[in-house]
Amino acid sequence: MRETLDRFQLLWPKRQRAALTRIAKERGVTLNEITRQAIELGIHEMDHENEFTRHDRALEKLSQLRAQMRARNGGKPLDIDIAEDLRKMREERIEQLAGGH
């Protein structure tokens, strides 16, 4: 099934049109087709960049939180065993449910 195309007017610098025209001729496709391909690649690149930007911001936030936690702990990393803490919490909950309050 063919994709429906919408018509719109685009203004662009001459150097971009010249480059797209050259590439279209080299590939044996129309200027319209090569323009659609270039836009699709640009969209993909922008989406991908946004994903990496979000990941980068999240990692930076984690780094800041880690630094704050170390500052509160006198510069030392926290000595936490998450697996052990979860095991203790689970055992306490099982004991509560079993009626051993």
C-alpha atoms as a PDB file:
ATOM      1  CA  MET A   1       0.000   0.000   0.000  1.00  0.00           C
ATOM      2  CA  ARG A   2       1.379   3.414  -0.947  1.00  0.00           C
ATOM      3  CA  GLU A   3       1.707   6.113   1.633  1.00  0.00           C
ATOM      4  CA  THR A   4      -0.488   9.179   1.107  1.00  0.00           C
ATOM      5  CA  LEU A   5       1.576  12.267   0.378  1.00  0.00           C
ATOM      6  CA  ASP A   6       0.701  15.821   1.395  1.00  0.00           C
ATOM      7  CA  ARG A   7       1.759  18.801  -0.648  1.00  0.00           C
ATOM      8  CA  PHE A   8       3.543  21.712   1.002  1.00  0.00           C
ATOM      9  CA  GLN A   9       5.899  24.451  -0.040  1.00  0.00           C
ATOM     10  CA  LEU A  10       9.457  24.420   1.221  1.00  0.00           C
ATOM     11  CA  LEU A  11      11.971  27.236   1.112  1.00  0.00           C
ATOM     12  CA  TRP A  12      15.607  26.185   1.394  1.00  0.00           C
ATOM     13  CA  PRO A  13      19.097  27.566   0.818  1.00  0.00           C
ATOM     14  CA  LYS A  14      20.461  27.133  -2.699  1.00  0.00           C
ATOM     15  CA  ARG A  15      23.384  25.034  -1.442  1.00  0.00           C
ATOM     16  CA  GLN A  16      20.966  22.484   0.054  1.00  0.00           C
ATOM     17  CA  ARG A  17      18.911  22.272  -3.118  1.00  0.00           C
ATOM     18  CA  ALA A  18      22.085  21.910  -5.197  1.00  0.00           C
ATOM     19  CA  ALA A  19      23.367  19.130  -2.946  1.00  0.00           C
ATOM     20  CA  LEU A  20      20.036  17.294  -3.005  1.00  0.00           C
ATOM     21  CA  THR A  21      19.766  17.675  -6.781  1.00  0.00           C
ATOM     22  CA  ARG A  22      23.283  16.245  -7.226  1.00  0.00           C
ATOM     23  CA  ILE A  23      22.573  13.290  -4.921  1.00  0.00           C
ATOM     24  CA  ALA A  24      19.231  12.606  -6.625  1.00  0.00           C
ATOM     25  CA  LYS A  25      20.935  12.493 -10.053  1.00  0.00           C
ATOM     26  CA  GLU A  26      23.683  10.205  -8.727  1.00  0.00           C
ATOM     27  CA  ARG A  27      21.085   7.811  -7.329  1.00  0.00           C
ATOM     28  CA  GLY A  28      18.688   8.059 -10.231  1.00  0.00           C
ATOM     29  CA  VAL A  29      15.743   9.270  -8.174  1.00  0.00           C
ATOM     30  CA  THR A  30      13.649  12.416  -8.208  1.00  0.00           C
ATOM     31  CA  LEU A  31      14.435  15.510  -6.176  1.00  0.00           C
ATOM     32  CA  ASN A  32      11.175  14.920  -4.291  1.00  0.00           C
ATOM     33  CA  GLU A  33      12.192  11.369  -3.361  1.00  0.00           C
ATOM     34  CA  ILE A  34      15.690  12.303  -2.211  1.00  0.00           C
ATOM     35  CA  THR A  35      14.235  15.192  -0.183  1.00  0.00           C
ATOM     36  CA  ARG A  36      11.800  12.827   1.562  1.00  0.00           C
ATOM     37  CA  GLN A  37      14.662  10.429   2.293  1.00  0.00           C
ATOM     38  CA  ALA A  38      16.825  13.237   3.694  1.00  0.00           C
ATOM     39  CA  ILE A  39      13.995  14.459   5.914  1.00  0.00           C
ATOM     40  CA  GLU A  40      13.329  10.901   7.145  1.00  0.00           C
ATOM     41  CA  LEU A  41      17.007  10.484   8.026  1.00  0.00           C
ATOM     42  CA  GLY A  42      16.944  13.844   9.813  1.00  0.00           C
ATOM     43  CA  ILE A  43      13.876  12.856  11.818  1.00  0.00           C
ATOM     44  CA  HIS A  44      15.500   9.576  12.820  1.00  0.00           C
ATOM     45  CA  GLU A  45      18.704  11.378  13.852  1.00  0.00           C
ATOM     46  CA  MET A  46      16.795  13.954  15.923  1.00  0.00           C
ATOM     47  CA  ASP A  47      14.762  11.252  17.681  1.00  0.00           C
ATOM     48  CA  HIS A  48      17.924   9.261  18.385  1.00  0.00           C
ATOM     49  CA  GLU A  49      19.709  12.368  19.660  1.00  0.00           C
ATOM     50  CA  ASN A  50      16.802  13.118  21.986  1.00  0.00           C
ATOM     51  CA  GLU A  51      17.003   9.596  23.407  1.00  0.00           C
ATOM     52  CA  PHE A  52      20.707   9.972  24.140  1.00  0.00           C
ATOM     53  CA  THR A  53      20.126  13.438  25.577  1.00  0.00           C
ATOM     54  CA  ARG A  54      17.500  12.038  27.968  1.00  0.00           C
ATOM     55  CA  HIS A  55      19.830   9.220  29.014  1.00  0.00           C
ATOM     56  CA  ASP A  56      22.661  11.685  29.478  1.00  0.00           C
ATOM     57  CA  ARG A  57      20.508  13.919  31.712  1.00  0.00           C
ATOM     58  CA  ALA A  58      19.421  10.915  33.772  1.00  0.00           C
ATOM     59  CA  LEU A  59      23.018   9.787  34.261  1.00  0.00           C
ATOM     60  CA  GLU A  60      24.042  13.314  35.251  1.00  0.00           C
ATOM     61  CA  LYS A  61      21.197  13.451  37.795  1.00  0.00           C
ATOM     62  CA  LEU A  62      22.298  10.090  39.234  1.00  0.00           C
ATOM     63  CA  SER A  63      25.852  11.354  39.491  1.00  0.00           C
ATOM     64  CA  GLN A  64      24.668  14.452  41.369  1.00  0.00           C
ATOM     65  CA  LEU A  65      22.558  12.351  43.744  1.00  0.00           C
ATOM     66  CA  ARG A  66      25.494  10.030  44.383  1.00  0.00           C
ATOM     67  CA  ALA A  67      27.720  13.036  45.183  1.00  0.00           C
ATOM     68  CA  GLN A  68      25.099  14.423  47.592  1.00  0.00           C
ATOM     69  CA  MET A  69      24.789  11.054  49.332  1.00  0.00           C
ATOM     70  CA  ARG A  70      28.563  10.787  49.701  1.00  0.00           C
ATOM     71  CA  ALA A  71      28.735  14.343  51.058  1.00  0.00           C
ATOM     72  CA  ARG A  72      26.164  13.428  53.742  1.00  0.00           C
ATOM     73  CA  ASN A  73      28.162  10.297  54.538  1.00  0.00           C
ATOM     74  CA  GLY A  74      31.479  12.100  55.052  1.00  0.00           C
ATOM     75  CA  GLY A  75      32.746  11.432  51.532  1.00  0.00           C
ATOM     76  CA  LYS A  76      32.459   7.664  51.860  1.00  0.00           C
ATOM     77  CA  PRO A  77      30.246   5.501  49.674  1.00  0.00           C
ATOM     78  CA  LEU A  78      27.157   4.168  51.366  1.00  0.00           C
ATOM     79  CA  ASP A  79      27.556   0.716  52.844  1.00  0.00           C
ATOM     80  CA  ILE A  80      24.199  -0.770  51.891  1.00  0.00           C
ATOM     81  CA  ASP A  81      23.397  -4.354  50.991  1.00  0.00           C
ATOM     82  CA  ILE A  82      20.104  -4.004  49.141  1.00  0.00           C
ATOM     83  CA  ALA A  83      19.597  -7.756  48.775  1.00  0.00           C
ATOM     84  CA  GLU A  84      20.082  -8.276  52.525  1.00  0.00           C
ATOM     85  CA  ASP A  85      17.745  -5.376  53.377  1.00  0.00           C
ATOM     86  CA  LEU A  86      15.047  -6.764  51.070  1.00  0.00           C
ATOM     87  CA  ARG A  87      15.463 -10.241  52.590  1.00  0.00           C
ATOM     88  CA  LYS A  88      14.979  -8.815  56.099  1.00  0.00           C
ATOM     89  CA  MET A  89      11.931  -6.816  55.004  1.00  0.00           C
ATOM     90  CA  ARG A  90      10.420  -9.916  53.402  1.00  0.00           C
ATOM     91  CA  GLU A  91      11.019 -12.000  56.526  1.00  0.00           C
ATOM     92  CA  GLU A  92       9.435  -9.301  58.713  1.00  0.00           C
ATOM     93  CA  ARG A  93       6.411  -9.148  56.439  1.00  0.00           C
ATOM     94  CA  ILE A  94       6.015 -12.935  56.414  1.00  0.00           C
ATOM     95  CA  GLU A  95       6.189 -12.912  60.205  1.00  0.00           C
ATOM     96  CA  GLN A  96       3.507 -10.165  60.362  1.00  0.00           C
ATOM     97  CA  LEU A  97       1.233 -12.091  58.001  1.00  0.00           C
ATOM     98  CA  ALA A  98       1.720 -15.292  59.964  1.00  0.00           C
ATOM     99  CA  GLY A  99       0.437 -13.549  63.090  1.00  0.00           C
ATOM    100  CA  GLY A 100       3.727 -13.145  64.899  1.00  0.00           C
ATOM    101  CA  HIS A 101       3.405  -9.309  65.027  1.00  0.00           C
END
